[in-house]
Amino acid sequence: MTVVAGIGTGAPAGGGHRPAYLVFCDVDETLIDCKSMFEFLRFQLVRRYGEEGEERYRRIAGDLRRQAGEGVPREGINRSYYRSYAGESEEEITMLGREWFSLASADPGFFIASTVAELDRHRAAGAEVVLVSGSFAPCLDPVAERVGARHVLCTSPLVLGGRYTGDVSEPVIGEGKRAAVLRLLAEYPGVNPRDCYAYGDHPSDFPMLDCVGHPQGVGDAPAVQAYLARRAEPAAVAASGCALACWSMGRDELSEACAAECALPLD
């Protein structure tokens, strides 16, 4: 497995192997039926500090909810979340992540069965699965291993001397998802983005869904259903999709460098 957006192991993306297509999948409330960042935050604090840890969790979670209520962008809230890990041991948090996953995934409802079935179907057809999330590797690596994902695109807290600094390189939220997905697609020049799939449950996933030919919604959020309906209209897609993808890659729509070969428009 390759973890992209900060930390990673394994061969470079592509690595001489050409999948039939790529499948990008959001994690929280798309693949698993919880918000991993909050569930893990509470778990590791209570696991280490008991009642004091529960109080720390309530304080941190309350501050993040307050920021959301004040209209702070999700990217900013993502950065604030990781500031709570400043000074923590990367090794210890990674170990606690695996402990959290072992306990949480024992619940039959932890994974969203319909999404897992879709990913299994795609892998059987020769696709590679890519998890895309604002969560981080201690939570996501065990999930990726369980579902057979080859890559994880995630927010990566910066580490100095084996400890988290409290800063992150790039929140993989909203436009950060678009940027991460397009960087990985660039590593697979033989894969046509029009053939790729993406799964999401929230408007913050739209930038990721913009990058592929087969966007898929999980759940019944009206905003997601409306987005999918718009994407089903060829004229609307042709007008907006290419511009979005080209902008993400730092070039003008239909420029010489583009030649209409970016992720969109779609056939």
C-alpha atoms as a PDB file:
ATOM      1  CA  MET A   1       0.000   0.000   0.000  1.00  0.00           C
ATOM      2  CA  THR A   2       1.171   3.506  -0.787  1.00  0.00           C
ATOM      3  CA  VAL A   3       0.167   6.349   1.488  1.00  0.00           C
ATOM      4  CA  VAL A   4       0.257   9.590  -0.507  1.00  0.00           C
ATOM      5  CA  ALA A   5       0.161  13.181   0.842  1.00  0.00           C
ATOM      6  CA  GLY A   6       2.936  12.985   3.339  1.00  0.00           C
ATOM      7  CA  ILE A   7       3.944   9.552   4.531  1.00  0.00           C
ATOM      8  CA  GLY A   8       4.164   6.339   2.611  1.00  0.00           C
ATOM      9  CA  THR A   9       5.569   2.885   2.015  1.00  0.00           C
ATOM     10  CA  GLY A  10       5.696   0.620  -1.001  1.00  0.00           C
ATOM     11  CA  ALA A  11       6.401   1.139  -4.683  1.00  0.00           C
ATOM     12  CA  PRO A  12       5.770   4.449  -6.455  1.00  0.00           C
ATOM     13  CA  ALA A  13       2.253   4.960  -7.770  1.00  0.00           C
ATOM     14  CA  GLY A  14       1.794   2.898 -10.891  1.00  0.00           C
ATOM     15  CA  GLY A  15       4.961   0.896 -10.206  1.00  0.00           C
ATOM     16  CA  GLY A  16       4.934  -0.641 -13.684  1.00  0.00           C
ATOM     17  CA  HIS A  17       1.451  -2.057 -13.090  1.00  0.00           C
ATOM     18  CA  ARG A  18      -1.477  -0.632 -15.029  1.00  0.00           C
ATOM     19  CA  PRO A  19      -4.876  -1.133 -13.414  1.00  0.00           C
ATOM     20  CA  ALA A  20      -8.020  -1.151 -15.530  1.00  0.00           C
ATOM     21  CA  TYR A  21      -9.099   2.045 -13.750  1.00  0.00           C
ATOM     22  CA  LEU A  22      -8.972   3.710 -10.333  1.00  0.00           C
ATOM     23  CA  VAL A  23     -11.707   3.949  -7.718  1.00  0.00           C
ATOM     24  CA  PHE A  24     -11.496   6.861  -5.271  1.00  0.00           C
ATOM     25  CA  CYS A  25     -13.469   6.451  -2.066  1.00  0.00           C
ATOM     26  CA  ASP A  26     -14.121   8.824   0.796  1.00  0.00           C
ATOM     27  CA  VAL A  27     -13.957   7.056   4.159  1.00  0.00           C
ATOM     28  CA  ASP A  28     -16.005   8.597   6.960  1.00  0.00           C
ATOM     29  CA  GLU A  29     -19.722   7.900   6.469  1.00  0.00           C
ATOM     30  CA  THR A  30     -18.993   6.601   2.963  1.00  0.00           C
ATOM     31  CA  LEU A  31     -16.968   3.455   3.679  1.00  0.00           C
ATOM     32  CA  ILE A  32     -17.266   3.328   7.481  1.00  0.00           C
ATOM     33  CA  ASP A  33     -20.338   4.346   9.455  1.00  0.00           C
ATOM     34  CA  CYS A  34     -18.636   6.857  11.758  1.00  0.00           C
ATOM     35  CA  LYS A  35     -16.333   9.865  11.795  1.00  0.00           C
ATOM     36  CA  SER A  36     -12.940   8.245  12.352  1.00  0.00           C
ATOM     37  CA  MET A  37     -11.146  11.362  13.528  1.00  0.00           C
ATOM     38  CA  PHE A  38     -13.576  11.984  16.401  1.00  0.00           C
ATOM     39  CA  GLU A  39     -14.015   8.318  17.308  1.00  0.00           C
ATOM     40  CA  PHE A  40     -10.267   7.798  17.448  1.00  0.00           C
ATOM     41  CA  LEU A  41      -9.621  11.055  19.299  1.00  0.00           C
ATOM     42  CA  ARG A  42     -11.957   9.978  22.077  1.00  0.00           C
ATOM     43  CA  PHE A  43     -10.629   6.413  22.109  1.00  0.00           C
ATOM     44  CA  GLN A  44      -6.974   7.290  22.448  1.00  0.00           C
ATOM     45  CA  LEU A  45      -7.540  10.015  25.053  1.00  0.00           C
ATOM     46  CA  VAL A  46      -9.727   7.817  27.253  1.00  0.00           C
ATOM     47  CA  ARG A  47      -7.422   4.843  26.703  1.00  0.00           C
ATOM     48  CA  ARG A  48      -4.472   6.824  28.072  1.00  0.00           C
ATOM     49  CA  TYR A  49      -5.998   9.229  30.566  1.00  0.00           C
ATOM     50  CA  GLY A  50      -9.309   7.759  31.713  1.00  0.00           C
ATOM     51  CA  GLU A  51     -11.806  10.344  32.988  1.00  0.00           C
ATOM     52  CA  GLU A  52      -9.336  13.145  32.335  1.00  0.00           C
ATOM     53  CA  GLY A  53      -9.136  11.945  28.738  1.00  0.00           C
ATOM     54  CA  GLU A  54     -12.910  12.108  28.413  1.00  0.00           C
ATOM     55  CA  GLU A  55     -12.806  15.706  29.605  1.00  0.00           C
ATOM     56  CA  ARG A  56     -10.028  16.527  27.129  1.00  0.00           C
ATOM     57  CA  TYR A  57     -12.109  15.006  24.350  1.00  0.00           C
ATOM     58  CA  ARG A  58     -15.194  17.048  25.253  1.00  0.00           C
ATOM     59  CA  ARG A  59     -13.111  20.208  25.307  1.00  0.00           C
ATOM     60  CA  ILE A  60     -11.454  19.591  21.934  1.00  0.00           C
ATOM     61  CA  ALA A  61     -14.630  18.366  20.238  1.00  0.00           C
ATOM     62  CA  GLY A  62     -16.582  21.304  21.658  1.00  0.00           C
ATOM     63  CA  ASP A  63     -14.057  23.776  20.284  1.00  0.00           C
ATOM     64  CA  LEU A  64     -14.223  22.162  16.842  1.00  0.00           C
ATOM     65  CA  ARG A  65     -18.026  22.265  16.879  1.00  0.00           C
ATOM     66  CA  ARG A  66     -17.882  25.920  17.903  1.00  0.00           C
ATOM     67  CA  GLN A  67     -15.617  26.696  14.942  1.00  0.00           C
ATOM     68  CA  ALA A  68     -17.990  24.895  12.599  1.00  0.00           C
ATOM     69  CA  GLY A  69     -20.900  26.884  13.995  1.00  0.00           C
ATOM     70  CA  GLU A  70     -18.994  30.105  13.395  1.00  0.00           C
ATOM     71  CA  GLY A  71     -18.509  29.210   9.751  1.00  0.00           C
ATOM     72  CA  VAL A  72     -14.827  28.226   9.843  1.00  0.00           C
ATOM     73  CA  PRO A  73     -14.106  26.304   6.612  1.00  0.00           C
ATOM     74  CA  ARG A  74     -13.721  22.531   6.958  1.00  0.00           C
ATOM     75  CA  GLU A  75     -10.076  22.861   5.924  1.00  0.00           C
ATOM     76  CA  GLY A  76      -9.481  25.152   8.897  1.00  0.00           C
ATOM     77  CA  ILE A  77     -11.261  22.795  11.271  1.00  0.00           C
ATOM     78  CA  ASN A  78      -9.135  19.960   9.895  1.00  0.00           C
ATOM     79  CA  ARG A  79      -5.984  21.913  10.780  1.00  0.00           C
ATOM     80  CA  SER A  80      -7.354  22.686  14.244  1.00  0.00           C
ATOM     81  CA  TYR A  81      -8.010  18.995  14.882  1.00  0.00           C
ATOM     82  CA  TYR A  82      -4.387  18.066  14.292  1.00  0.00           C
ATOM     83  CA  ARG A  83      -3.112  20.827  16.535  1.00  0.00           C
ATOM     84  CA  SER A  84      -4.461  18.741  19.403  1.00  0.00           C
ATOM     85  CA  TYR A  85      -1.794  16.126  18.590  1.00  0.00           C
ATOM     86  CA  ALA A  86       1.144  18.500  19.007  1.00  0.00           C
ATOM     87  CA  GLY A  87       3.921  16.759  20.934  1.00  0.00           C
ATOM     88  CA  GLU A  88       2.370  13.298  20.685  1.00  0.00           C
ATOM     89  CA  SER A  89       4.508  10.313  19.674  1.00  0.00           C
ATOM     90  CA  GLU A  90       3.817   9.240  16.095  1.00  0.00           C
ATOM     91  CA  GLU A  91       4.690   5.646  16.983  1.00  0.00           C
ATOM     92  CA  GLU A  92       2.321   5.543  19.951  1.00  0.00           C
ATOM     93  CA  ILE A  93      -0.560   7.115  18.024  1.00  0.00           C
ATOM     94  CA  THR A  94      -0.029   4.620  15.193  1.00  0.00           C
ATOM     95  CA  MET A  95      -0.195   1.711  17.643  1.00  0.00           C
ATOM     96  CA  LEU A  96      -3.337   3.140  19.235  1.00  0.00           C
ATOM     97  CA  GLY A  97      -4.854   3.523  15.772  1.00  0.00           C
ATOM     98  CA  ARG A  98      -4.545  -0.196  15.160  1.00  0.00           C
ATOM     99  CA  GLU A  99      -5.989  -0.949  18.589  1.00  0.00           C
ATOM    100  CA  TRP A 100      -8.924   1.376  17.891  1.00  0.00           C
ATOM    101  CA  PHE A 101      -9.576  -0.263  14.520  1.00  0.00           C
ATOM    102  CA  SER A 102      -9.410  -3.775  15.961  1.00  0.00           C
ATOM    103  CA  LEU A 103     -12.087  -2.947  18.512  1.00  0.00           C
ATOM    104  CA  ALA A 104     -14.257  -0.705  16.312  1.00  0.00           C
ATOM    105  CA  SER A 105     -14.290  -3.021  13.290  1.00  0.00           C
ATOM    106  CA  ALA A 106     -15.543  -5.891  15.461  1.00  0.00           C
ATOM    107  CA  ASP A 107     -18.934  -4.153  15.255  1.00  0.00           C
ATOM    108  CA  PRO A 108     -20.764  -5.612  12.217  1.00  0.00           C
ATOM    109  CA  GLY A 109     -22.030  -2.119  11.406  1.00  0.00           C
ATOM    110  CA  PHE A 110     -18.601  -0.466  11.318  1.00  0.00           C
ATOM    111  CA  PHE A 111     -18.219  -0.851   7.550  1.00  0.00           C
ATOM    112  CA  ILE A 112     -20.983   0.246   5.183  1.00  0.00           C
ATOM    113  CA  ALA A 113     -21.653  -3.086   3.509  1.00  0.00           C
ATOM    114  CA  SER A 114     -22.908  -1.668   0.208  1.00  0.00           C
ATOM    115  CA  THR A 115     -19.745   0.373  -0.287  1.00  0.00           C
ATOM    116  CA  VAL A 116     -17.490  -2.557   0.587  1.00  0.00           C
ATOM    117  CA  ALA A 117     -19.365  -4.667  -1.950  1.00  0.00           C
ATOM    118  CA  GLU A 118     -18.820  -1.991  -4.609  1.00  0.00           C
ATOM    119  CA  LEU A 119     -15.089  -1.842  -3.890  1.00  0.00           C
ATOM    120  CA  ASP A 120     -14.849  -5.638  -4.046  1.00  0.00           C
ATOM    121  CA  ARG A 121     -16.623  -5.570  -7.405  1.00  0.00           C
ATOM    122  CA  HIS A 122     -14.230  -2.983  -8.786  1.00  0.00           C
ATOM    123  CA  ARG A 123     -11.146  -4.821  -7.571  1.00  0.00           C
ATOM    124  CA  ALA A 124     -12.425  -8.005  -9.187  1.00  0.00           C
ATOM    125  CA  ALA A 125     -12.690  -6.042 -12.453  1.00  0.00           C
ATOM    126  CA  GLY A 126      -9.012  -5.060 -12.245  1.00  0.00           C
ATOM    127  CA  ALA A 127      -9.325  -1.642 -10.608  1.00  0.00           C
ATOM    128  CA  GLU A 128      -7.156  -0.222  -7.840  1.00  0.00           C
ATOM    129  CA  VAL A 129      -8.913   1.291  -4.833  1.00  0.00           C
ATOM    130  CA  VAL A 130      -7.785   4.632  -3.416  1.00  0.00           C
ATOM    131  CA  LEU A 131      -9.044   5.947  -0.067  1.00  0.00           C
ATOM    132  CA  VAL A 132      -9.317   9.749   0.143  1.00  0.00           C
ATOM    133  CA  SER A 133      -9.877  11.372   3.519  1.00  0.00           C
ATOM    134  CA  GLY A 134      -9.150  14.271   5.832  1.00  0.00           C
ATOM    135  CA  SER A 135      -8.408  11.670   8.495  1.00  0.00           C
ATOM    136  CA  PHE A 136      -4.865  10.382   8.972  1.00  0.00           C
ATOM    137  CA  ALA A 137      -2.802   7.228   8.578  1.00  0.00           C
ATOM    138  CA  PRO A 138      -3.201   5.777  12.107  1.00  0.00           C
ATOM    139  CA  CYS A 139      -6.954   5.502  11.442  1.00  0.00           C
ATOM    140  CA  LEU A 140      -6.864   4.852   7.703  1.00  0.00           C
ATOM    141  CA  ASP A 141      -4.076   2.347   7.132  1.00  0.00           C
ATOM    142  CA  PRO A 142      -5.910  -0.498   8.921  1.00  0.00           C
ATOM    143  CA  VAL A 143      -9.095   0.353   6.991  1.00  0.00           C
ATOM    144  CA  ALA A 144      -7.170   0.305   3.703  1.00  0.00           C
ATOM    145  CA  GLU A 145      -5.617  -3.053   4.492  1.00  0.00           C
ATOM    146  CA  ARG A 146      -9.014  -4.551   5.304  1.00  0.00           C
ATOM    147  CA  VAL A 147     -10.671  -3.445   2.042  1.00  0.00           C
ATOM    148  CA  GLY A 148      -7.664  -4.033  -0.193  1.00  0.00           C
ATOM    149  CA  ALA A 149      -6.972  -0.382  -1.049  1.00  0.00           C
ATOM    150  CA  ARG A 150      -3.647   0.218  -2.758  1.00  0.00           C
ATOM    151  CA  HIS A 151      -3.339   3.926  -1.946  1.00  0.00           C
ATOM    152  CA  VAL A 152      -4.391   6.309   0.803  1.00  0.00           C
ATOM    153  CA  LEU A 153      -4.612  10.034   0.108  1.00  0.00           C
ATOM    154  CA  CYS A 154      -4.968  11.711   3.480  1.00  0.00           C
ATOM    155  CA  THR A 155      -4.077  14.640   5.681  1.00  0.00           C
ATOM    156  CA  SER A 156      -0.570  14.069   7.018  1.00  0.00           C
ATOM    157  CA  PRO A 157       0.463  15.717  10.301  1.00  0.00           C
ATOM    158  CA  LEU A 158       4.034  16.973  10.196  1.00  0.00           C
ATOM    159  CA  VAL A 159       6.501  15.042  12.342  1.00  0.00           C
ATOM    160  CA  LEU A 160       9.743  16.220  13.924  1.00  0.00           C
ATOM    161  CA  GLY A 161      11.888  13.915  16.005  1.00  0.00           C
ATOM    162  CA  GLY A 162       9.196  11.253  16.009  1.00  0.00           C
ATOM    163  CA  ARG A 163       6.532  13.609  17.380  1.00  0.00           C
ATOM    164  CA  TYR A 164       3.701  15.496  15.748  1.00  0.00           C
ATOM    165  CA  THR A 165       4.306  19.221  15.469  1.00  0.00           C
ATOM    166  CA  GLY A 166       0.603  20.121  15.372  1.00  0.00           C
ATOM    167  CA  ASP A 167       0.841  21.346  11.781  1.00  0.00           C
ATOM    168  CA  VAL A 168      -0.197  19.598   8.566  1.00  0.00           C
ATOM    169  CA  SER A 169       1.170  19.829   5.048  1.00  0.00           C
ATOM    170  CA  GLU A 170      -2.207  20.016   3.277  1.00  0.00           C
ATOM    171  CA  PRO A 171      -5.717  19.221   4.526  1.00  0.00           C
ATOM    172  CA  VAL A 172      -7.185  16.602   2.201  1.00  0.00           C
ATOM    173  CA  ILE A 173     -10.596  18.250   2.443  1.00  0.00           C
ATOM    174  CA  GLY A 174     -12.600  19.878  -0.345  1.00  0.00           C
ATOM    175  CA  GLU A 175     -10.188  21.281  -2.923  1.00  0.00           C
ATOM    176  CA  GLY A 176      -7.414  19.369  -1.194  1.00  0.00           C
ATOM    177  CA  LYS A 177      -9.152  16.190  -2.325  1.00  0.00           C
ATOM    178  CA  ARG A 178      -9.186  17.408  -5.916  1.00  0.00           C
ATOM    179  CA  ALA A 179      -5.486  18.219  -5.809  1.00  0.00           C
ATOM    180  CA  ALA A 180      -4.549  14.863  -4.253  1.00  0.00           C
ATOM    181  CA  VAL A 181      -6.666  12.875  -6.716  1.00  0.00           C
ATOM    182  CA  LEU A 182      -5.283  14.697  -9.746  1.00  0.00           C
ATOM    183  CA  ARG A 183      -1.712  14.212  -8.554  1.00  0.00           C
ATOM    184  CA  LEU A 184      -2.286  10.480  -8.324  1.00  0.00           C
ATOM    185  CA  LEU A 185      -4.044  10.339 -11.696  1.00  0.00           C
ATOM    186  CA  ALA A 186      -0.959  11.985 -13.203  1.00  0.00           C
ATOM    187  CA  GLU A 187       1.039   8.959 -12.015  1.00  0.00           C
ATOM    188  CA  TYR A 188      -1.157   6.722 -14.169  1.00  0.00           C
ATOM    189  CA  PRO A 189      -0.952   8.208 -17.689  1.00  0.00           C
ATOM    190  CA  GLY A 190      -2.354   4.995 -19.147  1.00  0.00           C
ATOM    191  CA  VAL A 191      -5.560   5.243 -17.120  1.00  0.00           C
ATOM    192  CA  ASN A 192      -8.357   7.391 -18.543  1.00  0.00           C
ATOM    193  CA  PRO A 193     -10.032   9.418 -15.748  1.00  0.00           C
ATOM    194  CA  ARG A 194     -13.300   9.068 -17.671  1.00  0.00           C
ATOM    195  CA  ASP A 195     -13.183   5.352 -16.803  1.00  0.00           C
ATOM    196  CA  CYS A 196     -12.579   5.981 -13.086  1.00  0.00           C
ATOM    197  CA  TYR A 197     -15.097   6.019 -10.232  1.00  0.00           C
ATOM    198  CA  ALA A 198     -15.387   8.030  -7.026  1.00  0.00           C
ATOM    199  CA  TYR A 199     -17.646   7.566  -4.006  1.00  0.00           C
ATOM    200  CA  GLY A 200     -18.653  10.297  -1.562  1.00  0.00           C
ATOM    201  CA  ASP A 201     -21.417  11.294   0.835  1.00  0.00           C
ATOM    202  CA  HIS A 202     -20.950  15.051   1.308  1.00  0.00           C
ATOM    203  CA  PRO A 203     -20.534  18.252  -0.750  1.00  0.00           C
ATOM    204  CA  SER A 204     -16.915  18.409   0.415  1.00  0.00           C
ATOM    205  CA  ASP A 205     -16.401  15.340  -1.806  1.00  0.00           C
ATOM    206  CA  PHE A 206     -17.547  17.138  -4.973  1.00  0.00           C
ATOM    207  CA  PRO A 207     -14.013  18.270  -5.958  1.00  0.00           C
ATOM    208  CA  MET A 208     -12.977  14.600  -5.905  1.00  0.00           C
ATOM    209  CA  LEU A 209     -16.070  13.522  -7.826  1.00  0.00           C
ATOM    210  CA  ASP A 210     -15.344  16.213 -10.437  1.00  0.00           C
ATOM    211  CA  CYS A 211     -12.183  14.364 -11.446  1.00  0.00           C
ATOM    212  CA  VAL A 212     -13.731  11.117 -12.671  1.00  0.00           C
ATOM    213  CA  GLY A 213     -16.230   9.924 -15.211  1.00  0.00           C
ATOM    214  CA  HIS A 214     -18.361   7.924 -12.784  1.00  0.00           C
ATOM    215  CA  PRO A 215     -19.231   9.859  -9.606  1.00  0.00           C
ATOM    216  CA  GLN A 216     -21.256   7.849  -7.095  1.00  0.00           C
ATOM    217  CA  GLY A 217     -23.210   8.997  -4.041  1.00  0.00           C
ATOM    218  CA  VAL A 218     -23.482   7.124  -0.745  1.00  0.00           C
ATOM    219  CA  GLY A 219     -26.511   7.969   1.365  1.00  0.00           C
ATOM    220  CA  ASP A 220     -29.380  10.219   0.400  1.00  0.00           C
ATOM    221  CA  ALA A 221     -28.106  13.748   1.103  1.00  0.00           C
ATOM    222  CA  PRO A 222     -30.132  16.095  -1.149  1.00  0.00           C
ATOM    223  CA  ALA A 223     -27.060  18.129  -2.120  1.00  0.00           C
ATOM    224  CA  VAL A 224     -25.253  14.995  -3.285  1.00  0.00           C
ATOM    225  CA  GLN A 225     -28.265  13.785  -5.250  1.00  0.00           C
ATOM    226  CA  ALA A 226     -28.562  17.211  -6.907  1.00  0.00           C
ATOM    227  CA  TYR A 227     -24.863  17.144  -7.824  1.00  0.00           C
ATOM    228  CA  LEU A 228     -25.214  13.698  -9.407  1.00  0.00           C
ATOM    229  CA  ALA A 229     -28.250  14.873 -11.349  1.00  0.00           C
ATOM    230  CA  ARG A 230     -26.244  17.816 -12.723  1.00  0.00           C
ATOM    231  CA  ARG A 231     -23.384  15.531 -13.665  1.00  0.00           C
ATOM    232  CA  ALA A 232     -25.833  13.375 -15.590  1.00  0.00           C
ATOM    233  CA  GLU A 233     -26.538  16.303 -17.916  1.00  0.00           C
ATOM    234  CA  PRO A 234     -23.880  16.181 -20.696  1.00  0.00           C
ATOM    235  CA  ALA A 235     -24.166  19.856 -21.585  1.00  0.00           C
ATOM    236  CA  ALA A 236     -23.638  20.999 -18.007  1.00  0.00           C
ATOM    237  CA  VAL A 237     -20.695  18.665 -17.553  1.00  0.00           C
ATOM    238  CA  ALA A 238     -19.012  19.813 -20.751  1.00  0.00           C
ATOM    239  CA  ALA A 239     -19.379  23.440 -19.728  1.00  0.00           C
ATOM    240  CA  SER A 240     -17.947  23.142 -16.242  1.00  0.00           C
ATOM    241  CA  GLY A 241     -16.011  19.929 -15.813  1.00  0.00           C
ATOM    242  CA  CYS A 242     -13.034  20.609 -18.069  1.00  0.00           C
ATOM    243  CA  ALA A 243     -12.512  24.047 -16.574  1.00  0.00           C
ATOM    244  CA  LEU A 244     -12.490  22.626 -13.066  1.00  0.00           C
ATOM    245  CA  ALA A 245     -10.041  19.860 -13.871  1.00  0.00           C
ATOM    246  CA  CYS A 246      -7.711  22.142 -15.844  1.00  0.00           C
ATOM    247  CA  TRP A 247      -7.767  24.760 -13.079  1.00  0.00           C
ATOM    248  CA  SER A 248      -6.794  22.060 -10.587  1.00  0.00           C
ATOM    249  CA  MET A 249      -3.788  21.185 -12.726  1.00  0.00           C
ATOM    250  CA  GLY A 250      -2.724  24.804 -13.124  1.00  0.00           C
ATOM    251  CA  ARG A 251      -3.556  25.276 -16.798  1.00  0.00           C
ATOM    252  CA  ASP A 252      -6.215  27.000 -18.854  1.00  0.00           C
ATOM    253  CA  GLU A 253      -9.181  25.105 -20.234  1.00  0.00           C
ATOM    254  CA  LEU A 254      -8.572  23.837 -23.767  1.00  0.00           C
ATOM    255  CA  SER A 255      -5.063  25.266 -23.843  1.00  0.00           C
ATOM    256  CA  GLU A 256      -2.427  23.543 -25.958  1.00  0.00           C
ATOM    257  CA  ALA A 257      -1.278  21.649 -22.863  1.00  0.00           C
ATOM    258  CA  CYS A 258      -4.836  20.478 -22.175  1.00  0.00           C
ATOM    259  CA  ALA A 259      -6.002  19.237 -25.583  1.00  0.00           C
ATOM    260  CA  ALA A 260      -9.261  18.274 -23.825  1.00  0.00           C
ATOM    261  CA  GLU A 261      -7.562  15.214 -22.318  1.00  0.00           C
ATOM    262  CA  CYS A 262      -8.063  16.047 -18.644  1.00  0.00           C
ATOM    263  CA  ALA A 263     -10.516  14.255 -16.390  1.00  0.00           C
ATOM    264  CA  LEU A 264     -13.533  16.042 -17.880  1.00  0.00           C
ATOM    265  CA  PRO A 265     -15.638  16.771 -19.945  1.00  0.00           C
ATOM    266  CA  LEU A 266     -17.176  13.342 -20.182  1.00  0.00           C
ATOM    267  CA  ASP A 267     -18.624  11.400 -23.053  1.00  0.00           C
END
